[in-house]
């Protein structure tokens, strides 16, 4: 078991640059004009924070939101633990791991959710690969963005669900942009990709299917989370932030063309790729039932030490 100090030390080592980000002025009280510093990974799956900013939902809620770009979930969690940001967005595995190691973040709102129609996270192989099913991956090497991560859990779940043996898999870390080349050079047998990178690999790689469908038919992939101390000090601000995100999620789920234009500007993505890639579906309600499948799968595949009730990761907003 890794203790709190060890967890923070490892996170800081992974994200020294994130911890050097200066923290902007924060509200002195819950009813003061509120400034929120948000750490965001520049992907479609967390697009609601960009949409809420661009459409004026945050401004209408009396919020000034500063978005700081983060390379991944562990780096964002480390920045949050260090006080460099107030709210972050990341996968359940990151928050669950922190929780078990004594760093108690709380989810306040969903970002992307997974459904039977999700195509944003394909398990991909080289275009000339003979691999077509789960059993073909037995003993093979899969490239993922980080070890002991949501991607590792999803890959192992997918292989087991589709007739293979997850225990036989080997994993190596690869940045998303480098996964296509690694497949072409046959340095790995498969990769767990995400949009917009998956679409950029067309012509050199093909999809075996949604790598997330082995976990559960429907669940939360990513969500917004914050430290309990910040939430206790700023409950009204947090509630307004959550309401603006929900408004953005409802809008984005029915305005993909318009949201793509915003995503291109804020996440600095290629317009040609964004216009044709599979798009995320955003959650509008935070619930334990949408988080529990990921916690259970993470424990099953030893990415976290044990399972626990998902309710432990959810902020209980005080009643007005």
C-alpha atoms as a PDB file:
ATOM      1  CA  UNK A   1       0.000   0.000   0.000  1.00  0.00           C
ATOM      2  CA  UNK A   2       1.350   3.419  -0.983  1.00  0.00           C
ATOM      3  CA  UNK A   3       0.775   6.120   1.626  1.00  0.00           C
ATOM      4  CA  UNK A   4      -0.350   9.702   1.045  1.00  0.00           C
ATOM      5  CA  UNK A   5       3.164  11.122   0.932  1.00  0.00           C
ATOM      6  CA  UNK A   6       4.341   8.505  -1.526  1.00  0.00           C
ATOM      7  CA  UNK A   7       1.329   9.075  -3.777  1.00  0.00           C
ATOM      8  CA  UNK A   8       1.886  12.817  -3.868  1.00  0.00           C
ATOM      9  CA  UNK A   9       5.585  12.334  -4.443  1.00  0.00           C
ATOM     10  CA  UNK A  10       4.961  10.057  -7.397  1.00  0.00           C
ATOM     11  CA  UNK A  11       2.363  12.433  -8.847  1.00  0.00           C
ATOM     12  CA  UNK A  12       4.681  15.407  -8.494  1.00  0.00           C
ATOM     13  CA  UNK A  13       7.446  13.486 -10.233  1.00  0.00           C
ATOM     14  CA  UNK A  14       5.085  12.836 -13.118  1.00  0.00           C
ATOM     15  CA  UNK A  15       4.008  16.440 -13.410  1.00  0.00           C
ATOM     16  CA  UNK A  16       6.618  18.919 -12.242  1.00  0.00           C
ATOM     17  CA  UNK A  17       5.551  21.362 -14.917  1.00  0.00           C
ATOM     18  CA  UNK A  18       1.945  21.252 -13.737  1.00  0.00           C
ATOM     19  CA  UNK A  19       2.953  22.238 -10.224  1.00  0.00           C
ATOM     20  CA  UNK A  20       4.820  25.285 -11.511  1.00  0.00           C
ATOM     21  CA  UNK A  21       1.661  26.801 -12.978  1.00  0.00           C
ATOM     22  CA  UNK A  22       0.919  29.999 -11.025  1.00  0.00           C
ATOM     23  CA  UNK A  23      -2.408  30.098  -9.191  1.00  0.00           C
ATOM     24  CA  UNK A  24      -4.640  33.049 -10.044  1.00  0.00           C
ATOM     25  CA  UNK A  25      -6.440  35.169  -7.485  1.00  0.00           C
ATOM     26  CA  UNK A  26      -9.147  33.172  -5.649  1.00  0.00           C
ATOM     27  CA  UNK A  27     -12.385  34.360  -4.104  1.00  0.00           C
ATOM     28  CA  UNK A  28     -12.042  35.367  -0.461  1.00  0.00           C
ATOM     29  CA  UNK A  29     -15.538  34.154   0.351  1.00  0.00           C
ATOM     30  CA  UNK A  30     -18.234  31.977  -1.184  1.00  0.00           C
ATOM     31  CA  UNK A  31     -20.428  34.974  -2.060  1.00  0.00           C
ATOM     32  CA  UNK A  32     -17.610  37.075  -3.584  1.00  0.00           C
ATOM     33  CA  UNK A  33     -17.045  37.340  -7.360  1.00  0.00           C
ATOM     34  CA  UNK A  34     -15.668  33.878  -7.978  1.00  0.00           C
ATOM     35  CA  UNK A  35     -12.514  32.944  -9.856  1.00  0.00           C
ATOM     36  CA  UNK A  36     -12.016  29.227 -10.575  1.00  0.00           C
ATOM     37  CA  UNK A  37      -8.795  27.777 -11.970  1.00  0.00           C
ATOM     38  CA  UNK A  38      -9.584  24.588 -13.897  1.00  0.00           C
ATOM     39  CA  UNK A  39      -7.085  22.011 -15.136  1.00  0.00           C
ATOM     40  CA  UNK A  40      -8.249  20.464 -18.429  1.00  0.00           C
ATOM     41  CA  UNK A  41      -6.868  17.887 -20.849  1.00  0.00           C
ATOM     42  CA  UNK A  42      -7.378  19.232 -24.420  1.00  0.00           C
ATOM     43  CA  UNK A  43      -9.716  16.497 -25.653  1.00  0.00           C
ATOM     44  CA  UNK A  44     -13.311  16.334 -26.871  1.00  0.00           C
ATOM     45  CA  UNK A  45     -14.215  14.198 -23.855  1.00  0.00           C
ATOM     46  CA  UNK A  46     -13.873  17.192 -21.500  1.00  0.00           C
ATOM     47  CA  UNK A  47     -15.226  19.756 -23.940  1.00  0.00           C
ATOM     48  CA  UNK A  48     -18.011  21.037 -21.659  1.00  0.00           C
ATOM     49  CA  UNK A  49     -15.642  23.405 -19.843  1.00  0.00           C
ATOM     50  CA  UNK A  50     -14.707  25.009 -23.178  1.00  0.00           C
ATOM     51  CA  UNK A  51     -18.330  25.284 -24.293  1.00  0.00           C
ATOM     52  CA  UNK A  52     -19.497  26.798 -20.997  1.00  0.00           C
ATOM     53  CA  UNK A  53     -16.722  29.393 -21.235  1.00  0.00           C
ATOM     54  CA  UNK A  54     -17.302  30.274 -24.887  1.00  0.00           C
ATOM     55  CA  UNK A  55     -21.099  30.425 -24.661  1.00  0.00           C
ATOM     56  CA  UNK A  56     -21.038  32.665 -21.618  1.00  0.00           C
ATOM     57  CA  UNK A  57     -22.584  30.161 -19.210  1.00  0.00           C
ATOM     58  CA  UNK A  58     -19.850  30.737 -16.638  1.00  0.00           C
ATOM     59  CA  UNK A  59     -20.133  34.512 -16.976  1.00  0.00           C
ATOM     60  CA  UNK A  60     -23.907  34.321 -16.547  1.00  0.00           C
ATOM     61  CA  UNK A  61     -23.329  32.291 -13.368  1.00  0.00           C
ATOM     62  CA  UNK A  62     -21.060  34.988 -11.947  1.00  0.00           C
ATOM     63  CA  UNK A  63     -17.882  32.990 -12.519  1.00  0.00           C
ATOM     64  CA  UNK A  64     -14.509  33.801 -14.006  1.00  0.00           C
ATOM     65  CA  UNK A  65     -13.012  30.496 -15.141  1.00  0.00           C
ATOM     66  CA  UNK A  66      -9.345  30.205 -16.088  1.00  0.00           C
ATOM     67  CA  UNK A  67      -8.482  27.003 -17.962  1.00  0.00           C
ATOM     68  CA  UNK A  68      -4.987  25.590 -17.591  1.00  0.00           C
ATOM     69  CA  UNK A  69      -4.022  22.845 -20.033  1.00  0.00           C
ATOM     70  CA  UNK A  70      -2.794  19.590 -18.489  1.00  0.00           C
ATOM     71  CA  UNK A  71      -1.139  16.662 -20.306  1.00  0.00           C
ATOM     72  CA  UNK A  72      -3.079  13.973 -18.431  1.00  0.00           C
ATOM     73  CA  UNK A  73      -5.038  12.862 -15.375  1.00  0.00           C
ATOM     74  CA  UNK A  74      -2.096  12.192 -13.010  1.00  0.00           C
ATOM     75  CA  UNK A  75      -0.559  15.586 -13.739  1.00  0.00           C
ATOM     76  CA  UNK A  76      -3.885  17.322 -13.181  1.00  0.00           C
ATOM     77  CA  UNK A  77      -4.398  15.508  -9.879  1.00  0.00           C
ATOM     78  CA  UNK A  78      -0.930  16.512  -8.720  1.00  0.00           C
ATOM     79  CA  UNK A  79      -1.583  20.167  -9.618  1.00  0.00           C
ATOM     80  CA  UNK A  80      -4.864  20.023  -7.708  1.00  0.00           C
ATOM     81  CA  UNK A  81      -3.234  18.473  -4.641  1.00  0.00           C
ATOM     82  CA  UNK A  82      -0.588  21.218  -4.691  1.00  0.00           C
ATOM     83  CA  UNK A  83      -3.173  24.004  -4.881  1.00  0.00           C
ATOM     84  CA  UNK A  84      -2.126  25.185  -8.349  1.00  0.00           C
ATOM     85  CA  UNK A  85      -5.715  24.760  -9.558  1.00  0.00           C
ATOM     86  CA  UNK A  86      -9.137  24.567  -7.876  1.00  0.00           C
ATOM     87  CA  UNK A  87     -10.943  22.015 -10.061  1.00  0.00           C
ATOM     88  CA  UNK A  88      -9.648  19.381 -12.426  1.00  0.00           C
ATOM     89  CA  UNK A  89     -11.044  16.840 -14.843  1.00  0.00           C
ATOM     90  CA  UNK A  90      -9.837  13.280 -15.101  1.00  0.00           C
ATOM     91  CA  UNK A  91     -10.601   9.561 -15.217  1.00  0.00           C
ATOM     92  CA  UNK A  92     -12.091   7.605 -12.334  1.00  0.00           C
ATOM     93  CA  UNK A  93      -8.998   5.449 -11.910  1.00  0.00           C
ATOM     94  CA  UNK A  94      -6.910   8.520 -11.044  1.00  0.00           C
ATOM     95  CA  UNK A  95      -9.372   9.768  -8.420  1.00  0.00           C
ATOM     96  CA  UNK A  96      -9.948   6.278  -6.996  1.00  0.00           C
ATOM     97  CA  UNK A  97      -6.213   5.694  -6.652  1.00  0.00           C
ATOM     98  CA  UNK A  98      -5.789   9.035  -4.897  1.00  0.00           C
ATOM     99  CA  UNK A  99      -8.713   8.235  -2.577  1.00  0.00           C
ATOM    100  CA  UNK A 100      -7.191   4.945  -1.471  1.00  0.00           C
ATOM    101  CA  UNK A 101      -3.880   6.682  -0.842  1.00  0.00           C
ATOM    102  CA  UNK A 102      -5.368   9.345   1.395  1.00  0.00           C
ATOM    103  CA  UNK A 103      -5.759  12.162  -1.147  1.00  0.00           C
ATOM    104  CA  UNK A 104      -9.503  12.623  -1.000  1.00  0.00           C
ATOM    105  CA  UNK A 105     -10.764  14.392  -4.116  1.00  0.00           C
ATOM    106  CA  UNK A 106     -14.517  14.582  -4.775  1.00  0.00           C
ATOM    107  CA  UNK A 107     -16.342  14.457  -8.098  1.00  0.00           C
ATOM    108  CA  UNK A 108     -18.765  17.330  -8.639  1.00  0.00           C
ATOM    109  CA  UNK A 109     -19.881  16.835 -12.265  1.00  0.00           C
ATOM    110  CA  UNK A 110     -19.547  14.343 -15.121  1.00  0.00           C
ATOM    111  CA  UNK A 111     -17.658  15.005 -18.330  1.00  0.00           C
ATOM    112  CA  UNK A 112     -17.868  12.308 -21.040  1.00  0.00           C
ATOM    113  CA  UNK A 113     -20.004   9.224 -20.496  1.00  0.00           C
ATOM    114  CA  UNK A 114     -19.792   5.897 -22.298  1.00  0.00           C
ATOM    115  CA  UNK A 115     -22.793   4.350 -24.021  1.00  0.00           C
ATOM    116  CA  UNK A 116     -23.314   1.582 -26.547  1.00  0.00           C
ATOM    117  CA  UNK A 117     -22.806   4.163 -29.294  1.00  0.00           C
ATOM    118  CA  UNK A 118     -19.431   5.469 -28.101  1.00  0.00           C
ATOM    119  CA  UNK A 119     -16.731   5.353 -30.790  1.00  0.00           C
ATOM    120  CA  UNK A 120     -14.234   7.840 -29.352  1.00  0.00           C
ATOM    121  CA  UNK A 121     -11.897   5.263 -27.745  1.00  0.00           C
ATOM    122  CA  UNK A 122     -11.004   2.512 -30.218  1.00  0.00           C
ATOM    123  CA  UNK A 123      -8.634  -0.384 -29.637  1.00  0.00           C
ATOM    124  CA  UNK A 124      -6.490  -0.186 -32.760  1.00  0.00           C
ATOM    125  CA  UNK A 125      -4.083  -2.448 -34.645  1.00  0.00           C
ATOM    126  CA  UNK A 126      -1.898  -1.839 -37.694  1.00  0.00           C
ATOM    127  CA  UNK A 127      -3.682  -1.939 -41.020  1.00  0.00           C
ATOM    128  CA  UNK A 128      -1.730  -5.076 -41.990  1.00  0.00           C
ATOM    129  CA  UNK A 129      -2.231  -6.841 -38.641  1.00  0.00           C
ATOM    130  CA  UNK A 130      -3.834 -10.299 -38.568  1.00  0.00           C
ATOM    131  CA  UNK A 131      -5.444  -9.578 -35.188  1.00  0.00           C
ATOM    132  CA  UNK A 132      -9.240  -9.571 -35.354  1.00  0.00           C
ATOM    133  CA  UNK A 133     -10.500 -10.665 -31.908  1.00  0.00           C
ATOM    134  CA  UNK A 134      -9.661 -10.728 -28.225  1.00  0.00           C
ATOM    135  CA  UNK A 135      -7.974 -14.126 -28.272  1.00  0.00           C
ATOM    136  CA  UNK A 136      -5.588 -12.913 -30.984  1.00  0.00           C
ATOM    137  CA  UNK A 137      -4.160 -10.449 -28.457  1.00  0.00           C
ATOM    138  CA  UNK A 138      -3.106 -13.117 -25.957  1.00  0.00           C
ATOM    139  CA  UNK A 139       0.546 -12.570 -25.063  1.00  0.00           C
ATOM    140  CA  UNK A 140       0.688  -9.398 -27.156  1.00  0.00           C
ATOM    141  CA  UNK A 141       1.938  -5.914 -26.281  1.00  0.00           C
ATOM    142  CA  UNK A 142      -0.511  -3.027 -26.069  1.00  0.00           C
ATOM    143  CA  UNK A 143       0.488   0.642 -26.054  1.00  0.00           C
ATOM    144  CA  UNK A 144      -1.385   2.772 -23.500  1.00  0.00           C
ATOM    145  CA  UNK A 145      -0.979   6.362 -22.344  1.00  0.00           C
ATOM    146  CA  UNK A 146      -0.076   5.365 -18.784  1.00  0.00           C
ATOM    147  CA  UNK A 147       0.456   2.235 -16.724  1.00  0.00           C
ATOM    148  CA  UNK A 148      -2.063   1.538 -13.941  1.00  0.00           C
ATOM    149  CA  UNK A 149      -4.549   3.751 -15.741  1.00  0.00           C
ATOM    150  CA  UNK A 150      -8.087   3.761 -17.097  1.00  0.00           C
ATOM    151  CA  UNK A 151      -6.643   2.653 -20.418  1.00  0.00           C
ATOM    152  CA  UNK A 152      -5.052  -0.422 -18.891  1.00  0.00           C
ATOM    153  CA  UNK A 153      -8.305  -1.344 -17.158  1.00  0.00           C
ATOM    154  CA  UNK A 154     -10.305  -0.904 -20.350  1.00  0.00           C
ATOM    155  CA  UNK A 155      -7.874  -2.920 -22.486  1.00  0.00           C
ATOM    156  CA  UNK A 156      -7.843  -5.827 -20.039  1.00  0.00           C
ATOM    157  CA  UNK A 157     -11.636  -5.738 -19.710  1.00  0.00           C
ATOM    158  CA  UNK A 158     -12.046  -5.685 -23.493  1.00  0.00           C
ATOM    159  CA  UNK A 159      -9.755  -8.644 -24.094  1.00  0.00           C
ATOM    160  CA  UNK A 160     -11.452 -10.755 -21.414  1.00  0.00           C
ATOM    161  CA  UNK A 161     -14.919  -9.820 -22.688  1.00  0.00           C
ATOM    162  CA  UNK A 162     -13.976 -10.710 -26.261  1.00  0.00           C
ATOM    163  CA  UNK A 163     -12.560 -14.164 -25.638  1.00  0.00           C
ATOM    164  CA  UNK A 164      -8.960 -13.448 -24.708  1.00  0.00           C
ATOM    165  CA  UNK A 165      -6.847 -13.693 -21.548  1.00  0.00           C
ATOM    166  CA  UNK A 166      -6.121 -10.306 -19.985  1.00  0.00           C
ATOM    167  CA  UNK A 167      -3.492 -11.790 -17.671  1.00  0.00           C
ATOM    168  CA  UNK A 168      -1.303 -12.592 -20.671  1.00  0.00           C
ATOM    169  CA  UNK A 169      -1.137  -8.997 -21.915  1.00  0.00           C
ATOM    170  CA  UNK A 170       1.932  -6.790 -21.807  1.00  0.00           C
ATOM    171  CA  UNK A 171       1.714  -2.988 -21.625  1.00  0.00           C
ATOM    172  CA  UNK A 172       4.040  -0.144 -22.569  1.00  0.00           C
ATOM    173  CA  UNK A 173       3.519   3.596 -22.151  1.00  0.00           C
ATOM    174  CA  UNK A 174       3.123   5.655 -25.318  1.00  0.00           C
ATOM    175  CA  UNK A 175       1.968   9.257 -25.823  1.00  0.00           C
ATOM    176  CA  UNK A 176      -1.219   9.356 -27.905  1.00  0.00           C
ATOM    177  CA  UNK A 177       0.378  11.119 -30.918  1.00  0.00           C
ATOM    178  CA  UNK A 178       3.081   8.402 -31.185  1.00  0.00           C
ATOM    179  CA  UNK A 179       0.758   5.402 -31.142  1.00  0.00           C
ATOM    180  CA  UNK A 180       0.169   5.276 -34.885  1.00  0.00           C
ATOM    181  CA  UNK A 181       3.862   5.181 -35.709  1.00  0.00           C
ATOM    182  CA  UNK A 182       4.444   2.504 -33.070  1.00  0.00           C
ATOM    183  CA  UNK A 183       1.862   0.338 -34.829  1.00  0.00           C
ATOM    184  CA  UNK A 184       3.411   0.939 -38.255  1.00  0.00           C
ATOM    185  CA  UNK A 185       6.850  -0.023 -36.926  1.00  0.00           C
ATOM    186  CA  UNK A 186       5.341  -3.060 -35.159  1.00  0.00           C
ATOM    187  CA  UNK A 187       6.810  -1.994 -31.826  1.00  0.00           C
ATOM    188  CA  UNK A 188       3.409  -2.783 -30.300  1.00  0.00           C
ATOM    189  CA  UNK A 189       0.606  -5.071 -31.440  1.00  0.00           C
ATOM    190  CA  UNK A 190      -2.271  -2.771 -30.496  1.00  0.00           C
ATOM    191  CA  UNK A 191      -2.944   0.620 -28.907  1.00  0.00           C
ATOM    192  CA  UNK A 192      -5.772   2.169 -26.923  1.00  0.00           C
ATOM    193  CA  UNK A 193      -6.340   5.392 -28.822  1.00  0.00           C
ATOM    194  CA  UNK A 194      -8.680   8.355 -28.312  1.00  0.00           C
ATOM    195  CA  UNK A 195     -10.034  11.083 -30.545  1.00  0.00           C
ATOM    196  CA  UNK A 196      -8.767  13.151 -32.253  1.00  0.00           C
ATOM    197  CA  UNK A 197      -5.683  10.921 -32.550  1.00  0.00           C
ATOM    198  CA  UNK A 198      -7.631   7.846 -33.657  1.00  0.00           C
ATOM    199  CA  UNK A 199      -8.968   9.639 -36.729  1.00  0.00           C
ATOM    200  CA  UNK A 200      -5.484  10.850 -37.632  1.00  0.00           C
ATOM    201  CA  UNK A 201      -4.358   7.195 -37.834  1.00  0.00           C
ATOM    202  CA  UNK A 202      -6.733   6.371 -40.691  1.00  0.00           C
ATOM    203  CA  UNK A 203      -4.884   4.571 -43.452  1.00  0.00           C
ATOM    204  CA  UNK A 204      -2.257   3.090 -41.120  1.00  0.00           C
ATOM    205  CA  UNK A 205      -4.463   1.522 -38.437  1.00  0.00           C
ATOM    206  CA  UNK A 206      -7.902  -0.029 -37.994  1.00  0.00           C
ATOM    207  CA  UNK A 207     -10.251  -0.393 -35.047  1.00  0.00           C
ATOM    208  CA  UNK A 208     -11.166  -3.638 -33.295  1.00  0.00           C
ATOM    209  CA  UNK A 209     -13.995  -1.850 -31.496  1.00  0.00           C
ATOM    210  CA  UNK A 210     -14.692   0.413 -28.535  1.00  0.00           C
ATOM    211  CA  UNK A 211     -12.034  -0.474 -25.955  1.00  0.00           C
ATOM    212  CA  UNK A 212     -14.336   0.734 -23.165  1.00  0.00           C
ATOM    213  CA  UNK A 213     -17.232  -1.635 -23.830  1.00  0.00           C
ATOM    214  CA  UNK A 214     -15.732  -4.382 -21.669  1.00  0.00           C
ATOM    215  CA  UNK A 215     -16.261  -2.381 -18.462  1.00  0.00           C
ATOM    216  CA  UNK A 216     -20.015  -1.815 -18.632  1.00  0.00           C
ATOM    217  CA  UNK A 217     -22.680  -0.790 -21.177  1.00  0.00           C
ATOM    218  CA  UNK A 218     -22.913   2.686 -19.645  1.00  0.00           C
ATOM    219  CA  UNK A 219     -20.618   4.524 -17.234  1.00  0.00           C
ATOM    220  CA  UNK A 220     -18.797   7.804 -16.628  1.00  0.00           C
ATOM    221  CA  UNK A 221     -15.412   7.986 -18.343  1.00  0.00           C
ATOM    222  CA  UNK A 222     -14.224  11.330 -16.952  1.00  0.00           C
ATOM    223  CA  UNK A 223     -15.477  13.883 -14.481  1.00  0.00           C
ATOM    224  CA  UNK A 224     -14.702  17.179 -12.742  1.00  0.00           C
ATOM    225  CA  UNK A 225     -13.314  16.884  -9.222  1.00  0.00           C
ATOM    226  CA  UNK A 226     -12.042  19.151  -6.450  1.00  0.00           C
ATOM    227  CA  UNK A 227     -10.511  18.958  -2.965  1.00  0.00           C
ATOM    228  CA  UNK A 228     -13.029  18.816  -0.057  1.00  0.00           C
ATOM    229  CA  UNK A 229     -11.437  21.898   1.555  1.00  0.00           C
ATOM    230  CA  UNK A 230     -12.114  24.032  -1.525  1.00  0.00           C
ATOM    231  CA  UNK A 231     -15.664  22.674  -1.802  1.00  0.00           C
ATOM    232  CA  UNK A 232     -16.373  23.358   1.865  1.00  0.00           C
ATOM    233  CA  UNK A 233     -15.126  26.926   1.510  1.00  0.00           C
ATOM    234  CA  UNK A 234     -16.892  27.577  -1.811  1.00  0.00           C
ATOM    235  CA  UNK A 235     -20.148  25.584  -1.977  1.00  0.00           C
ATOM    236  CA  UNK A 236     -22.141  28.271  -3.804  1.00  0.00           C
ATOM    237  CA  UNK A 237     -19.356  28.754  -6.330  1.00  0.00           C
ATOM    238  CA  UNK A 238     -19.109  25.002  -6.899  1.00  0.00           C
ATOM    239  CA  UNK A 239     -22.867  24.715  -7.419  1.00  0.00           C
ATOM    240  CA  UNK A 240     -22.853  27.515  -9.999  1.00  0.00           C
ATOM    241  CA  UNK A 241     -19.924  25.888 -11.785  1.00  0.00           C
ATOM    242  CA  UNK A 242     -21.749  22.533 -11.904  1.00  0.00           C
ATOM    243  CA  UNK A 243     -24.938  24.165 -13.197  1.00  0.00           C
ATOM    244  CA  UNK A 244     -23.023  25.877 -16.016  1.00  0.00           C
ATOM    245  CA  UNK A 245     -21.341  22.616 -16.996  1.00  0.00           C
ATOM    246  CA  UNK A 246     -24.711  20.852 -17.074  1.00  0.00           C
ATOM    247  CA  UNK A 247     -26.107  23.582 -19.326  1.00  0.00           C
ATOM    248  CA  UNK A 248     -23.109  23.159 -21.631  1.00  0.00           C
ATOM    249  CA  UNK A 249     -23.516  19.359 -21.708  1.00  0.00           C
ATOM    250  CA  UNK A 250     -27.177  19.593 -22.690  1.00  0.00           C
ATOM    251  CA  UNK A 251     -26.315  22.052 -25.448  1.00  0.00           C
ATOM    252  CA  UNK A 252     -23.289  20.133 -26.770  1.00  0.00           C
ATOM    253  CA  UNK A 253     -25.133  16.818 -27.033  1.00  0.00           C
ATOM    254  CA  UNK A 254     -27.408  18.351 -29.670  1.00  0.00           C
ATOM    255  CA  UNK A 255     -25.010  20.812 -31.322  1.00  0.00           C
ATOM    256  CA  UNK A 256     -22.024  18.817 -32.528  1.00  0.00           C
ATOM    257  CA  UNK A 257     -21.197  21.062 -35.487  1.00  0.00           C
ATOM    258  CA  UNK A 258     -21.170  24.203 -33.365  1.00  0.00           C
ATOM    259  CA  UNK A 259     -19.317  22.551 -30.484  1.00  0.00           C
ATOM    260  CA  UNK A 260     -16.648  21.313 -32.912  1.00  0.00           C
ATOM    261  CA  UNK A 261     -15.864  24.902 -33.859  1.00  0.00           C
ATOM    262  CA  UNK A 262     -15.394  25.827 -30.200  1.00  0.00           C
ATOM    263  CA  UNK A 263     -13.275  22.736 -29.562  1.00  0.00           C
ATOM    264  CA  UNK A 264     -10.937  23.638 -32.419  1.00  0.00           C
ATOM    265  CA  UNK A 265     -10.310  27.093 -30.952  1.00  0.00           C
ATOM    266  CA  UNK A 266      -9.771  26.126 -27.327  1.00  0.00           C
ATOM    267  CA  UNK A 267      -8.147  22.692 -27.582  1.00  0.00           C
ATOM    268  CA  UNK A 268      -6.077  23.675 -30.649  1.00  0.00           C
ATOM    269  CA  UNK A 269      -7.207  20.660 -32.662  1.00  0.00           C
ATOM    270  CA  UNK A 270      -7.106  20.167 -36.445  1.00  0.00           C
ATOM    271  CA  UNK A 271     -10.450  21.359 -37.921  1.00  0.00           C
ATOM    272  CA  UNK A 272     -10.353  18.670 -40.630  1.00  0.00           C
ATOM    273  CA  UNK A 273      -9.996  15.920 -38.031  1.00  0.00           C
ATOM    274  CA  UNK A 274     -12.578  17.323 -35.620  1.00  0.00           C
ATOM    275  CA  UNK A 275     -15.181  17.659 -38.383  1.00  0.00           C
ATOM    276  CA  UNK A 276     -15.079  13.920 -39.145  1.00  0.00           C
ATOM    277  CA  UNK A 277     -14.059  12.218 -35.896  1.00  0.00           C
ATOM    278  CA  UNK A 278     -16.372  10.381 -33.503  1.00  0.00           C
ATOM    279  CA  UNK A 279     -17.682  12.766 -30.849  1.00  0.00           C
ATOM    280  CA  UNK A 280     -18.200  12.382 -27.126  1.00  0.00           C
ATOM    281  CA  UNK A 281     -21.499  12.213 -25.269  1.00  0.00           C
ATOM    282  CA  UNK A 282     -21.606  14.330 -22.109  1.00  0.00           C
ATOM    283  CA  UNK A 283     -23.240  13.439 -18.831  1.00  0.00           C
ATOM    284  CA  UNK A 284     -25.726  15.775 -17.195  1.00  0.00           C
ATOM    285  CA  UNK A 285     -26.137  14.048 -13.819  1.00  0.00           C
ATOM    286  CA  UNK A 286     -23.524  12.694 -11.424  1.00  0.00           C
ATOM    287  CA  UNK A 287     -24.403   9.311  -9.903  1.00  0.00           C
ATOM    288  CA  UNK A 288     -22.621   6.527  -8.051  1.00  0.00           C
ATOM    289  CA  UNK A 289     -24.039   3.924 -10.439  1.00  0.00           C
ATOM    290  CA  UNK A 290     -22.116   5.529 -13.321  1.00  0.00           C
ATOM    291  CA  UNK A 291     -18.834   5.407 -11.375  1.00  0.00           C
ATOM    292  CA  UNK A 292     -19.015   2.028  -9.619  1.00  0.00           C
ATOM    293  CA  UNK A 293     -18.280  -0.155 -12.706  1.00  0.00           C
ATOM    294  CA  UNK A 294     -14.909   1.552 -13.205  1.00  0.00           C
ATOM    295  CA  UNK A 295     -13.936   1.196  -9.542  1.00  0.00           C
ATOM    296  CA  UNK A 296     -14.843  -2.495  -9.602  1.00  0.00           C
ATOM    297  CA  UNK A 297     -12.959  -3.159 -12.848  1.00  0.00           C
ATOM    298  CA  UNK A 298      -9.918  -1.241 -11.597  1.00  0.00           C
ATOM    299  CA  UNK A 299      -9.809  -3.439  -8.488  1.00  0.00           C
ATOM    300  CA  UNK A 300     -10.376  -6.612 -10.525  1.00  0.00           C
ATOM    301  CA  UNK A 301      -7.323  -5.859 -12.670  1.00  0.00           C
ATOM    302  CA  UNK A 302      -5.140  -4.644  -9.763  1.00  0.00           C
ATOM    303  CA  UNK A 303      -4.942  -1.050 -10.924  1.00  0.00           C
ATOM    304  CA  UNK A 304      -6.243  -0.056  -7.485  1.00  0.00           C
ATOM    305  CA  UNK A 305      -5.818  -2.054  -4.272  1.00  0.00           C
ATOM    306  CA  UNK A 306      -9.492  -2.756  -3.579  1.00  0.00           C
ATOM    307  CA  UNK A 307     -13.013  -1.798  -4.522  1.00  0.00           C
ATOM    308  CA  UNK A 308     -15.145   0.583  -2.439  1.00  0.00           C
ATOM    309  CA  UNK A 309     -18.509   2.387  -2.708  1.00  0.00           C
ATOM    310  CA  UNK A 310     -18.501   4.984  -5.473  1.00  0.00           C
ATOM    311  CA  UNK A 311     -20.446   7.317  -3.204  1.00  0.00           C
ATOM    312  CA  UNK A 312     -17.158   7.970  -1.372  1.00  0.00           C
ATOM    313  CA  UNK A 313     -15.925   9.881  -4.449  1.00  0.00           C
ATOM    314  CA  UNK A 314     -18.981  12.143  -4.803  1.00  0.00           C
ATOM    315  CA  UNK A 315     -19.401  15.568  -3.227  1.00  0.00           C
ATOM    316  CA  UNK A 316     -22.622  16.006  -1.309  1.00  0.00           C
ATOM    317  CA  UNK A 317     -23.606  19.612  -1.943  1.00  0.00           C
ATOM    318  CA  UNK A 318     -25.107  21.308   1.115  1.00  0.00           C
ATOM    319  CA  UNK A 319     -28.793  22.123   0.916  1.00  0.00           C
ATOM    320  CA  UNK A 320     -29.648  25.811   0.432  1.00  0.00           C
END
